[in-house]
Every structure is written in structure tokens, then in C-alpha cells.
Amino acid sequence: MDAVLALKPQSVLDIGCGEGWLVRALAGHASRLVGVDATEALIDQARQSGDGEFYTARYEDISQCLSDQRFDVAVCNFSLLGKESVEVLLAAIPRILNDGGHLVIQTLHPRNACGDTPYRDGWREGSWKGFSRDFCDAPPWYFRTLESWIALLTRSDLALYHLLEPFFPDTQQPASLILVAEPTDRR
């Protein structure tokens, strides 16, 4: 959230918003908050919770669904789990950002997410380790190295603006990776 607030946006698009917690948390910090998720039940829950506009759309359809809308910040908070769908989504991001807009991605830190498996791109088994028993049947997800994340941004006409590695205070290990990018035509 701090990475988003540091950009002082007036409009925010939360991609993969789930039940809308980030939109609710940003209420009062931006005048326009929009959440998008592919799961209708989560969007229904987000709408019932108040604040913001919410739409059901798959990543591949977001640029079409929001073709007439622009945002200061687009956020993907632990929501980029696929391969091709993420590539299509990131390629569309420059078209939905206002001039001076940014993309903020928070994802699993590659150093920790890799575990004991080889440090290379590829599909991994899902896990809800650390979550309540309500979470079951974790879907597979696509692991990317740091180099691959940056290459994907570049292929999507986005340039890395800032990189953050928040860490767990008790272990001093990376908790996540935050990539802040901007369209390359603005550099």
C-alpha cells in the first residue's frame, strides 16, 4: 500500500482485486477506485463491502472492458499467477494508464518462492501454506525469476521505475518483491 500511496494517485485500478480489500484500504486516498477480478463471487462480495467500482473481467479482457478509462496507478497485488494471461495483461497496461501513470506489482519474492526447486521460470504446484483451513485446492502458478520479471516489463513497453524488497523483521528474509514500472514512451 505504501508503494501505491507514494505515487499520490487520484485514480487506482486494482487488478485481481478479489473481495476488494485494497480498494477499501485506499478509500480516502484517491478519488476514484476501481477493482477488477475474474471471479464473479469475489466481485459480488467486493460490491457489498462498499467503496469503489467493481467489474468482472479476465486479464485478457481488461483492456477491452476498460477501453475508455485511464488510471494513475494500476496495482497487481499478489494476483499475477499465470503465464500467457499475465503477458497479455502487462502488454495492455500502457494503454490504460494516464500520462505519468505507474504499474505496481507485488508478488512473491523469487528468492523465497523458488524454495528447493531450480531457479528458473516454470509452473509450480500451488500451496496455501500459512493460510487458514478455509483455503483448499491451491491452483498452480507460474514462477518467474527477477530477470524474467524485468524482461517481461520491457517486452510490455514498461520500464522499471523502482524496485522494493520488504523483509520480515524477525528473519530479515524478503517478504515480497514490489516492482514499480512506467510506460517506456514517457522516459
N, C-alpha and C. Protein backbone atom coordinates (compact mmCIF):
# COMPACT_ATOMS: atom_id res chain seq x y z
N MET A 1 0.82 -1.19 0.00
CA MET A 1 0.00 0.00 0.00
C MET A 1 0.87 1.25 0.00
N ASP A 2 1.98 1.22 0.72
CA ASP A 2 2.87 2.38 0.76
C ASP A 2 3.41 2.71 -0.62
N ALA A 3 3.71 1.69 -1.42
CA ALA A 3 4.23 1.93 -2.77
C ALA A 3 3.19 2.64 -3.63
N VAL A 4 1.93 2.33 -3.44
CA VAL A 4 0.85 2.99 -4.18
C VAL A 4 0.69 4.42 -3.68
N LEU A 5 0.61 4.60 -2.38
CA LEU A 5 0.40 5.93 -1.81
C LEU A 5 1.55 6.88 -2.13
N ALA A 6 2.76 6.36 -2.23
CA ALA A 6 3.92 7.20 -2.56
C ALA A 6 3.77 7.86 -3.92
N LEU A 7 2.97 7.28 -4.80
CA LEU A 7 2.75 7.83 -6.14
C LEU A 7 1.66 8.90 -6.16
N LYS A 8 0.96 9.08 -5.06
CA LYS A 8 -0.09 10.08 -4.90
C LYS A 8 -1.13 10.03 -6.03
N PRO A 9 -1.71 8.86 -6.25
CA PRO A 9 -2.68 8.74 -7.35
C PRO A 9 -4.04 9.33 -7.01
N GLN A 10 -4.71 9.81 -8.04
CA GLN A 10 -6.11 10.21 -7.91
C GLN A 10 -7.03 9.08 -8.34
N SER A 11 -6.50 8.18 -9.18
CA SER A 11 -7.30 7.05 -9.65
C SER A 11 -6.44 5.78 -9.60
N VAL A 12 -7.05 4.69 -9.10
CA VAL A 12 -6.33 3.43 -8.93
C VAL A 12 -7.18 2.29 -9.48
N LEU A 13 -6.54 1.42 -10.24
CA LEU A 13 -7.15 0.19 -10.73
C LEU A 13 -6.49 -0.98 -10.01
N ASP A 14 -7.26 -1.75 -9.26
CA ASP A 14 -6.75 -2.94 -8.56
C ASP A 14 -7.10 -4.15 -9.42
N ILE A 15 -6.08 -4.74 -10.04
CA ILE A 15 -6.26 -5.87 -10.95
C ILE A 15 -6.09 -7.17 -10.17
N GLY A 16 -7.14 -7.99 -10.20
CA GLY A 16 -7.14 -9.20 -9.37
C GLY A 16 -7.52 -8.82 -7.95
N CYS A 17 -8.53 -7.97 -7.84
CA CYS A 17 -8.88 -7.34 -6.56
C CYS A 17 -9.49 -8.28 -5.53
N GLY A 18 -9.92 -9.47 -5.96
CA GLY A 18 -10.55 -10.37 -5.00
C GLY A 18 -11.79 -9.74 -4.41
N GLU A 19 -11.89 -9.78 -3.09
CA GLU A 19 -13.06 -9.22 -2.42
C GLU A 19 -12.94 -7.72 -2.18
N GLY A 20 -11.92 -7.08 -2.72
CA GLY A 20 -11.82 -5.62 -2.71
C GLY A 20 -11.14 -4.99 -1.51
N TRP A 21 -10.36 -5.75 -0.76
CA TRP A 21 -9.76 -5.20 0.46
C TRP A 21 -8.84 -4.01 0.17
N LEU A 22 -8.07 -4.06 -0.92
CA LEU A 22 -7.14 -2.97 -1.22
C LEU A 22 -7.90 -1.71 -1.61
N VAL A 23 -8.97 -1.86 -2.38
CA VAL A 23 -9.80 -0.71 -2.75
C VAL A 23 -10.35 -0.07 -1.48
N ARG A 24 -10.84 -0.86 -0.55
CA ARG A 24 -11.35 -0.31 0.71
C ARG A 24 -10.23 0.37 1.50
N ALA A 25 -9.05 -0.21 1.52
CA ALA A 25 -7.93 0.37 2.26
C ALA A 25 -7.48 1.70 1.67
N LEU A 26 -7.66 1.85 0.35
CA LEU A 26 -7.24 3.09 -0.32
C LEU A 26 -8.32 4.17 -0.29
N ALA A 27 -9.51 3.84 0.19
CA ALA A 27 -10.60 4.82 0.26
C ALA A 27 -10.11 6.03 1.07
N GLY A 28 -10.37 7.20 0.55
CA GLY A 28 -9.91 8.42 1.20
C GLY A 28 -8.55 8.88 0.72
N HIS A 29 -7.84 8.03 -0.02
CA HIS A 29 -6.53 8.40 -0.55
C HIS A 29 -6.56 8.68 -2.04
N ALA A 30 -7.62 8.28 -2.70
CA ALA A 30 -7.76 8.51 -4.15
C ALA A 30 -9.24 8.77 -4.42
N SER A 31 -9.51 9.61 -5.40
CA SER A 31 -10.90 9.96 -5.67
C SER A 31 -11.64 8.90 -6.47
N ARG A 32 -10.90 8.07 -7.19
CA ARG A 32 -11.54 7.02 -7.99
C ARG A 32 -10.82 5.70 -7.78
N LEU A 33 -11.57 4.70 -7.35
CA LEU A 33 -11.02 3.38 -7.07
C LEU A 33 -11.84 2.33 -7.82
N VAL A 34 -11.14 1.52 -8.60
CA VAL A 34 -11.79 0.50 -9.42
C VAL A 34 -11.10 -0.83 -9.17
N GLY A 35 -11.89 -1.88 -8.99
CA GLY A 35 -11.35 -3.22 -8.83
C GLY A 35 -11.86 -4.13 -9.93
N VAL A 36 -11.00 -5.02 -10.40
CA VAL A 36 -11.35 -5.98 -11.44
C VAL A 36 -10.87 -7.36 -11.01
N ASP A 37 -11.73 -8.36 -11.18
CA ASP A 37 -11.36 -9.74 -10.88
C ASP A 37 -12.17 -10.66 -11.79
N ALA A 38 -11.64 -11.82 -12.08
CA ALA A 38 -12.32 -12.77 -12.96
C ALA A 38 -13.38 -13.58 -12.23
N THR A 39 -13.36 -13.56 -10.91
CA THR A 39 -14.28 -14.38 -10.13
C THR A 39 -15.49 -13.57 -9.69
N GLU A 40 -16.64 -13.89 -10.28
CA GLU A 40 -17.88 -13.15 -10.02
C GLU A 40 -18.23 -13.12 -8.54
N ALA A 41 -18.07 -14.24 -7.83
CA ALA A 41 -18.42 -14.28 -6.40
C ALA A 41 -17.58 -13.30 -5.60
N LEU A 42 -16.31 -13.15 -5.93
CA LEU A 42 -15.46 -12.19 -5.22
C LEU A 42 -15.88 -10.76 -5.55
N ILE A 43 -16.24 -10.50 -6.80
CA ILE A 43 -16.70 -9.16 -7.18
C ILE A 43 -18.01 -8.84 -6.47
N ASP A 44 -18.91 -9.80 -6.36
CA ASP A 44 -20.16 -9.59 -5.61
C ASP A 44 -19.86 -9.21 -4.17
N GLN A 45 -18.92 -9.90 -3.57
CA GLN A 45 -18.53 -9.60 -2.19
C GLN A 45 -17.92 -8.20 -2.10
N ALA A 46 -17.10 -7.84 -3.07
CA ALA A 46 -16.47 -6.51 -3.09
C ALA A 46 -17.54 -5.42 -3.19
N ARG A 47 -18.51 -5.62 -4.05
CA ARG A 47 -19.59 -4.63 -4.22
C ARG A 47 -20.39 -4.45 -2.94
N GLN A 48 -20.63 -5.53 -2.22
CA GLN A 48 -21.38 -5.46 -0.97
C GLN A 48 -20.61 -4.73 0.12
N SER A 49 -19.30 -4.73 0.01
CA SER A 49 -18.46 -4.12 1.05
C SER A 49 -18.35 -2.61 0.91
N GLY A 50 -18.85 -2.06 -0.19
CA GLY A 50 -18.85 -0.60 -0.32
C GLY A 50 -17.80 -0.08 -1.27
N ASP A 51 -17.22 1.04 -0.90
CA ASP A 51 -16.24 1.83 -1.66
C ASP A 51 -15.77 1.25 -2.99
N GLY A 52 -15.84 2.07 -4.02
CA GLY A 52 -15.25 1.72 -5.30
C GLY A 52 -16.22 1.13 -6.31
N GLU A 53 -15.72 1.05 -7.54
CA GLU A 53 -16.43 0.41 -8.64
C GLU A 53 -15.77 -0.95 -8.86
N PHE A 54 -16.57 -1.95 -9.20
CA PHE A 54 -16.02 -3.28 -9.39
C PHE A 54 -16.58 -3.92 -10.65
N TYR A 55 -15.69 -4.59 -11.39
CA TYR A 55 -16.05 -5.24 -12.64
C TYR A 55 -15.50 -6.66 -12.66
N THR A 56 -16.25 -7.53 -13.33
CA THR A 56 -15.77 -8.90 -13.56
C THR A 56 -15.13 -8.94 -14.93
N ALA A 57 -13.88 -9.33 -14.99
CA ALA A 57 -13.17 -9.45 -16.28
C ALA A 57 -11.94 -10.32 -16.09
N ARG A 58 -11.66 -11.12 -17.11
CA ARG A 58 -10.41 -11.89 -17.13
C ARG A 58 -9.28 -10.95 -17.53
N TYR A 59 -8.05 -11.30 -17.19
CA TYR A 59 -6.91 -10.46 -17.54
C TYR A 59 -6.87 -10.14 -19.02
N GLU A 60 -7.19 -11.14 -19.84
CA GLU A 60 -7.13 -10.97 -21.29
C GLU A 60 -8.15 -9.95 -21.79
N ASP A 61 -9.19 -9.67 -20.98
CA ASP A 61 -10.27 -8.78 -21.40
C ASP A 61 -10.23 -7.40 -20.74
N ILE A 62 -9.28 -7.16 -19.86
CA ILE A 62 -9.28 -5.92 -19.09
C ILE A 62 -9.16 -4.69 -19.98
N SER A 63 -8.26 -4.70 -20.95
CA SER A 63 -8.10 -3.50 -21.78
C SER A 63 -9.37 -3.22 -22.57
N GLN A 64 -10.10 -4.25 -22.97
CA GLN A 64 -11.36 -4.05 -23.69
C GLN A 64 -12.45 -3.58 -22.73
N CYS A 65 -12.52 -4.20 -21.56
CA CYS A 65 -13.52 -3.85 -20.55
C CYS A 65 -13.36 -2.40 -20.09
N LEU A 66 -12.13 -1.94 -20.02
CA LEU A 66 -11.84 -0.58 -19.53
C LEU A 66 -11.29 0.32 -20.64
N SER A 67 -11.69 0.06 -21.88
CA SER A 67 -11.09 0.75 -23.03
C SER A 67 -11.24 2.27 -22.98
N ASP A 68 -12.26 2.77 -22.32
CA ASP A 68 -12.47 4.21 -22.25
C ASP A 68 -12.02 4.81 -20.92
N GLN A 69 -11.31 4.04 -20.12
CA GLN A 69 -10.89 4.51 -18.80
C GLN A 69 -9.37 4.53 -18.69
N ARG A 70 -8.86 5.49 -17.92
CA ARG A 70 -7.42 5.61 -17.67
C ARG A 70 -7.22 5.80 -16.16
N PHE A 71 -6.04 5.35 -15.70
CA PHE A 71 -5.76 5.38 -14.27
C PHE A 71 -4.35 5.92 -14.02
N ASP A 72 -4.18 6.52 -12.85
CA ASP A 72 -2.85 6.98 -12.43
C ASP A 72 -1.98 5.80 -12.02
N VAL A 73 -2.61 4.82 -11.38
CA VAL A 73 -1.89 3.64 -10.92
C VAL A 73 -2.73 2.39 -11.19
N ALA A 74 -2.09 1.37 -11.72
CA ALA A 74 -2.69 0.03 -11.81
C ALA A 74 -1.89 -0.84 -10.86
N VAL A 75 -2.59 -1.59 -10.01
CA VAL A 75 -1.94 -2.41 -8.99
C VAL A 75 -2.27 -3.88 -9.22
N CYS A 76 -1.26 -4.72 -9.13
CA CYS A 76 -1.43 -6.18 -9.16
C CYS A 76 -0.80 -6.70 -7.87
N ASN A 77 -1.63 -6.92 -6.87
CA ASN A 77 -1.15 -7.30 -5.55
C ASN A 77 -1.28 -8.81 -5.35
N PHE A 78 -0.19 -9.53 -5.53
CA PHE A 78 -0.18 -11.00 -5.42
C PHE A 78 -1.25 -11.63 -6.31
N SER A 79 -1.44 -11.07 -7.49
CA SER A 79 -2.51 -11.56 -8.37
C SER A 79 -2.00 -12.03 -9.73
N LEU A 80 -0.71 -12.00 -9.96
CA LEU A 80 -0.17 -12.41 -11.26
C LEU A 80 0.39 -13.82 -11.16
N LEU A 81 -0.48 -14.79 -11.38
CA LEU A 81 -0.11 -16.19 -11.15
C LEU A 81 0.04 -17.00 -12.42
N GLY A 82 -0.41 -16.49 -13.54
CA GLY A 82 -0.37 -17.24 -14.79
C GLY A 82 0.84 -16.90 -15.64
N LYS A 83 0.88 -17.46 -16.82
CA LYS A 83 1.97 -17.18 -17.76
C LYS A 83 1.45 -16.29 -18.89
N GLU A 84 0.73 -16.89 -19.85
CA GLU A 84 0.25 -16.14 -21.01
C GLU A 84 -0.73 -15.03 -20.62
N SER A 85 -1.62 -15.31 -19.67
CA SER A 85 -2.60 -14.30 -19.28
C SER A 85 -1.91 -13.07 -18.70
N VAL A 86 -0.84 -13.27 -17.95
CA VAL A 86 -0.09 -12.15 -17.37
C VAL A 86 0.65 -11.39 -18.47
N GLU A 87 1.20 -12.11 -19.44
CA GLU A 87 1.89 -11.44 -20.55
C GLU A 87 0.92 -10.56 -21.33
N VAL A 88 -0.28 -11.05 -21.61
CA VAL A 88 -1.30 -10.27 -22.32
C VAL A 88 -1.70 -9.05 -21.49
N LEU A 89 -1.92 -9.26 -20.20
CA LEU A 89 -2.31 -8.17 -19.31
C LEU A 89 -1.25 -7.07 -19.28
N LEU A 90 0.00 -7.43 -19.04
CA LEU A 90 1.04 -6.41 -18.93
C LEU A 90 1.23 -5.65 -20.23
N ALA A 91 1.05 -6.31 -21.37
CA ALA A 91 1.15 -5.62 -22.66
C ALA A 91 0.05 -4.56 -22.80
N ALA A 92 -1.08 -4.75 -22.13
CA ALA A 92 -2.20 -3.80 -22.22
C ALA A 92 -2.08 -2.64 -21.23
N ILE A 93 -1.26 -2.78 -20.23
CA ILE A 93 -1.17 -1.77 -19.16
C ILE A 93 -0.86 -0.36 -19.68
N PRO A 94 0.11 -0.16 -20.57
CA PRO A 94 0.37 1.22 -21.01
C PRO A 94 -0.85 1.94 -21.59
N ARG A 95 -1.79 1.20 -22.16
CA ARG A 95 -2.98 1.80 -22.76
C ARG A 95 -4.01 2.23 -21.73
N ILE A 96 -3.91 1.74 -20.50
CA ILE A 96 -4.92 2.12 -19.50
C ILE A 96 -4.35 3.05 -18.43
N LEU A 97 -3.12 3.50 -18.61
CA LEU A 97 -2.52 4.43 -17.66
C LEU A 97 -2.60 5.86 -18.18
N ASN A 98 -2.86 6.78 -17.27
CA ASN A 98 -2.78 8.21 -17.60
C ASN A 98 -1.33 8.58 -17.86
N ASP A 99 -1.11 9.73 -18.49
CA ASP A 99 0.25 10.25 -18.61
C ASP A 99 0.84 10.37 -17.21
N GLY A 100 2.03 9.88 -17.02
CA GLY A 100 2.66 9.89 -15.70
C GLY A 100 2.20 8.75 -14.81
N GLY A 101 1.42 7.82 -15.36
CA GLY A 101 0.90 6.70 -14.57
C GLY A 101 1.93 5.61 -14.34
N HIS A 102 1.63 4.75 -13.38
CA HIS A 102 2.54 3.67 -12.99
C HIS A 102 1.80 2.36 -12.77
N LEU A 103 2.52 1.28 -12.96
CA LEU A 103 2.08 -0.06 -12.61
C LEU A 103 2.83 -0.47 -11.35
N VAL A 104 2.11 -1.00 -10.37
CA VAL A 104 2.73 -1.52 -9.15
C VAL A 104 2.39 -3.01 -9.06
N ILE A 105 3.42 -3.82 -9.05
CA ILE A 105 3.26 -5.28 -8.91
C ILE A 105 3.87 -5.69 -7.58
N GLN A 106 3.08 -6.35 -6.75
CA GLN A 106 3.64 -7.00 -5.56
C GLN A 106 3.45 -8.49 -5.76
N THR A 107 4.52 -9.24 -5.63
CA THR A 107 4.48 -10.67 -5.87
C THR A 107 5.41 -11.38 -4.89
N LEU A 108 5.36 -12.70 -4.93
CA LEU A 108 6.28 -13.47 -4.11
C LEU A 108 7.71 -13.16 -4.52
N HIS A 109 8.59 -13.03 -3.56
CA HIS A 109 9.98 -12.76 -3.89
C HIS A 109 10.58 -14.02 -4.50
N PRO A 110 11.20 -13.91 -5.67
CA PRO A 110 11.75 -15.11 -6.32
C PRO A 110 12.72 -15.90 -5.44
N ARG A 111 13.46 -15.22 -4.61
CA ARG A 111 14.44 -15.91 -3.75
C ARG A 111 13.75 -16.91 -2.83
N ASN A 112 12.62 -16.50 -2.26
CA ASN A 112 11.90 -17.37 -1.33
C ASN A 112 10.91 -18.29 -2.04
N ALA A 113 10.27 -17.79 -3.08
CA ALA A 113 9.24 -18.57 -3.77
C ALA A 113 9.82 -19.78 -4.49
N CYS A 114 11.07 -19.71 -4.83
CA CYS A 114 11.72 -20.80 -5.55
C CYS A 114 11.85 -22.04 -4.67
N GLY A 115 12.04 -21.83 -3.38
CA GLY A 115 12.21 -22.97 -2.48
C GLY A 115 13.42 -23.80 -2.86
N ASP A 116 13.27 -25.10 -2.85
CA ASP A 116 14.36 -26.01 -3.19
C ASP A 116 14.39 -26.38 -4.67
N THR A 117 13.47 -25.81 -5.44
CA THR A 117 13.43 -26.13 -6.88
C THR A 117 14.42 -25.25 -7.63
N PRO A 118 14.79 -25.64 -8.84
CA PRO A 118 15.74 -24.83 -9.62
C PRO A 118 15.22 -23.41 -9.84
N TYR A 119 16.15 -22.47 -9.84
CA TYR A 119 15.81 -21.06 -10.03
C TYR A 119 15.67 -20.78 -11.52
N ARG A 120 14.52 -21.17 -12.05
CA ARG A 120 14.21 -20.88 -13.45
C ARG A 120 12.69 -20.82 -13.60
N ASP A 121 12.27 -20.11 -14.63
CA ASP A 121 10.84 -19.95 -14.88
C ASP A 121 10.16 -21.30 -15.05
N GLY A 122 8.92 -21.36 -14.64
CA GLY A 122 8.14 -22.57 -14.86
C GLY A 122 6.96 -22.67 -13.91
N TRP A 123 6.07 -23.58 -14.22
CA TRP A 123 4.89 -23.81 -13.40
C TRP A 123 5.27 -24.51 -12.11
N ARG A 124 4.61 -24.08 -11.02
CA ARG A 124 4.83 -24.66 -9.70
C ARG A 124 3.48 -25.12 -9.12
N GLU A 125 3.55 -26.09 -8.24
CA GLU A 125 2.34 -26.52 -7.53
C GLU A 125 1.91 -25.41 -6.59
N GLY A 126 0.60 -25.24 -6.47
CA GLY A 126 0.07 -24.24 -5.57
C GLY A 126 0.16 -24.69 -4.12
N SER A 127 0.09 -23.72 -3.23
CA SER A 127 0.13 -24.01 -1.80
C SER A 127 -0.57 -22.89 -1.04
N TRP A 128 -1.32 -23.27 -0.03
CA TRP A 128 -1.93 -22.28 0.86
C TRP A 128 -1.23 -22.32 2.22
N LYS A 129 0.01 -22.75 2.23
CA LYS A 129 0.78 -22.82 3.48
C LYS A 129 0.73 -21.46 4.18
N GLY A 130 0.39 -21.48 5.45
CA GLY A 130 0.31 -20.26 6.22
C GLY A 130 -1.08 -19.64 6.23
N PHE A 131 -2.02 -20.18 5.43
CA PHE A 131 -3.38 -19.67 5.40
C PHE A 131 -4.28 -20.56 6.26
N SER A 132 -5.49 -20.08 6.51
CA SER A 132 -6.43 -20.87 7.31
C SER A 132 -6.87 -22.11 6.54
N ARG A 133 -7.53 -23.01 7.24
CA ARG A 133 -8.02 -24.25 6.63
C ARG A 133 -9.14 -23.99 5.62
N ASP A 134 -9.67 -22.77 5.60
CA ASP A 134 -10.72 -22.42 4.63
C ASP A 134 -10.18 -22.44 3.21
N PHE A 135 -8.87 -22.29 3.07
CA PHE A 135 -8.25 -22.28 1.75
C PHE A 135 -7.88 -23.71 1.38
N CYS A 136 -8.38 -24.16 0.24
CA CYS A 136 -8.06 -25.51 -0.21
C CYS A 136 -7.89 -25.51 -1.73
N ASP A 137 -7.35 -26.59 -2.24
CA ASP A 137 -7.15 -26.74 -3.69
C ASP A 137 -6.41 -25.56 -4.31
N ALA A 138 -5.23 -25.30 -3.83
CA ALA A 138 -4.42 -24.19 -4.36
C ALA A 138 -4.07 -24.45 -5.82
N PRO A 139 -4.32 -23.48 -6.68
CA PRO A 139 -4.02 -23.67 -8.11
C PRO A 139 -2.52 -23.58 -8.38
N PRO A 140 -2.07 -24.16 -9.48
CA PRO A 140 -0.66 -23.99 -9.85
C PRO A 140 -0.40 -22.52 -10.21
N TRP A 141 0.84 -22.12 -10.18
CA TRP A 141 1.20 -20.74 -10.52
C TRP A 141 2.52 -20.74 -11.27
N TYR A 142 2.73 -19.66 -12.02
CA TYR A 142 3.92 -19.59 -12.87
C TYR A 142 5.01 -18.79 -12.16
N PHE A 143 6.13 -19.44 -11.88
CA PHE A 143 7.27 -18.80 -11.22
C PHE A 143 8.10 -18.04 -12.24
N ARG A 144 8.50 -16.82 -11.88
CA ARG A 144 9.40 -16.02 -12.71
C ARG A 144 10.60 -15.59 -11.87
N THR A 145 11.78 -15.64 -12.48
CA THR A 145 12.98 -15.10 -11.83
C THR A 145 12.90 -13.58 -11.88
N LEU A 146 13.75 -12.92 -11.13
CA LEU A 146 13.79 -11.46 -11.17
C LEU A 146 14.13 -10.99 -12.58
N GLU A 147 15.09 -11.65 -13.21
CA GLU A 147 15.46 -11.31 -14.58
C GLU A 147 14.25 -11.43 -15.52
N SER A 148 13.45 -12.46 -15.33
CA SER A 148 12.27 -12.66 -16.18
C SER A 148 11.20 -11.61 -15.95
N TRP A 149 11.02 -11.19 -14.70
CA TRP A 149 10.07 -10.11 -14.42
C TRP A 149 10.47 -8.84 -15.17
N ILE A 150 11.74 -8.49 -15.08
CA ILE A 150 12.21 -7.26 -15.74
C ILE A 150 12.11 -7.39 -17.25
N ALA A 151 12.45 -8.55 -17.80
CA ALA A 151 12.32 -8.77 -19.24
C ALA A 151 10.86 -8.68 -19.68
N LEU A 152 9.95 -9.21 -18.88
CA LEU A 152 8.52 -9.13 -19.20
C LEU A 152 8.04 -7.68 -19.21
N LEU A 153 8.48 -6.90 -18.25
CA LEU A 153 8.14 -5.47 -18.25
C LEU A 153 8.63 -4.81 -19.53
N THR A 154 9.87 -5.08 -19.89
CA THR A 154 10.47 -4.48 -21.09
C THR A 154 9.68 -4.87 -22.34
N ARG A 155 9.35 -6.14 -22.49
CA ARG A 155 8.56 -6.59 -23.65
C ARG A 155 7.18 -5.95 -23.68
N SER A 156 6.69 -5.52 -22.53
CA SER A 156 5.36 -4.91 -22.41
C SER A 156 5.41 -3.39 -22.53
N ASP A 157 6.56 -2.86 -22.98
CA ASP A 157 6.76 -1.41 -23.10
C ASP A 157 6.62 -0.69 -21.76
N LEU A 158 7.14 -1.35 -20.73
CA LEU A 158 7.18 -0.78 -19.39
C LEU A 158 8.63 -0.78 -18.92
N ALA A 159 9.00 0.26 -18.22
CA ALA A 159 10.36 0.37 -17.69
C ALA A 159 10.32 0.34 -16.17
N LEU A 160 11.24 -0.37 -15.58
CA LEU A 160 11.32 -0.43 -14.13
C LEU A 160 11.65 0.96 -13.59
N TYR A 161 10.80 1.47 -12.72
CA TYR A 161 10.96 2.78 -12.12
C TYR A 161 11.55 2.65 -10.72
N HIS A 162 11.11 1.61 -10.01
CA HIS A 162 11.54 1.41 -8.63
C HIS A 162 11.35 -0.06 -8.28
N LEU A 163 12.24 -0.60 -7.48
CA LEU A 163 12.15 -1.98 -7.01
C LEU A 163 12.30 -1.98 -5.50
N LEU A 164 11.40 -2.65 -4.82
CA LEU A 164 11.42 -2.73 -3.36
C LEU A 164 11.43 -4.19 -2.93
N GLU A 165 12.13 -4.48 -1.84
CA GLU A 165 12.18 -5.82 -1.29
C GLU A 165 11.88 -5.76 0.20
N PRO A 166 10.61 -5.59 0.58
CA PRO A 166 10.30 -5.58 2.01
C PRO A 166 10.68 -6.92 2.63
N PHE A 167 11.08 -6.89 3.88
CA PHE A 167 11.54 -8.12 4.52
C PHE A 167 10.80 -8.35 5.83
N PHE A 168 10.83 -9.60 6.27
CA PHE A 168 10.25 -9.97 7.56
C PHE A 168 11.21 -9.49 8.64
N PRO A 169 10.73 -8.71 9.61
CA PRO A 169 11.62 -8.19 10.65
C PRO A 169 12.32 -9.27 11.47
N ASP A 170 11.62 -10.37 11.74
CA ASP A 170 12.21 -11.40 12.60
C ASP A 170 13.27 -12.24 11.88
N THR A 171 13.11 -12.48 10.58
CA THR A 171 14.07 -13.33 9.86
C THR A 171 15.02 -12.54 8.96
N GLN A 172 14.66 -11.29 8.69
CA GLN A 172 15.43 -10.46 7.76
C GLN A 172 15.47 -11.07 6.35
N GLN A 173 14.49 -11.90 6.03
CA GLN A 173 14.36 -12.50 4.70
C GLN A 173 13.32 -11.72 3.90
N PRO A 174 13.44 -11.70 2.57
CA PRO A 174 12.48 -10.96 1.75
C PRO A 174 11.06 -11.50 1.93
N ALA A 175 10.13 -10.59 2.16
CA ALA A 175 8.72 -10.97 2.28
C ALA A 175 8.04 -10.99 0.92
N SER A 176 8.46 -10.07 0.06
CA SER A 176 7.86 -9.97 -1.26
C SER A 176 8.77 -9.15 -2.15
N LEU A 177 8.34 -9.01 -3.38
CA LEU A 177 9.03 -8.18 -4.36
C LEU A 177 8.01 -7.18 -4.88
N ILE A 178 8.37 -5.90 -4.87
CA ILE A 178 7.49 -4.86 -5.40
C ILE A 178 8.20 -4.20 -6.57
N LEU A 179 7.57 -4.28 -7.72
CA LEU A 179 8.08 -3.65 -8.94
C LEU A 179 7.18 -2.49 -9.30
N VAL A 180 7.76 -1.31 -9.46
CA VAL A 180 7.00 -0.15 -9.91
C VAL A 180 7.54 0.19 -11.29
N ALA A 181 6.64 0.24 -12.26
CA ALA A 181 7.05 0.46 -13.65
C ALA A 181 6.23 1.58 -14.27
N GLU A 182 6.78 2.14 -15.34
CA GLU A 182 6.08 3.19 -16.08
C GLU A 182 6.22 2.89 -17.57
N PRO A 183 5.26 3.33 -18.37
CA PRO A 183 5.37 3.11 -19.82
C PRO A 183 6.65 3.72 -20.37
N THR A 184 7.30 3.02 -21.29
CA THR A 184 8.59 3.47 -21.81
C THR A 184 8.49 4.72 -22.66
N ASP A 185 7.35 4.99 -23.25
CA ASP A 185 7.24 6.18 -24.09
C ASP A 185 7.26 7.47 -23.29
N ARG A 186 7.33 7.36 -21.96
CA ARG A 186 7.36 8.56 -21.11
C ARG A 186 8.74 8.85 -20.56
N ARG A 187 9.71 8.02 -20.87
CA ARG A 187 11.05 8.21 -20.30
C ARG A 187 11.84 9.18 -21.11
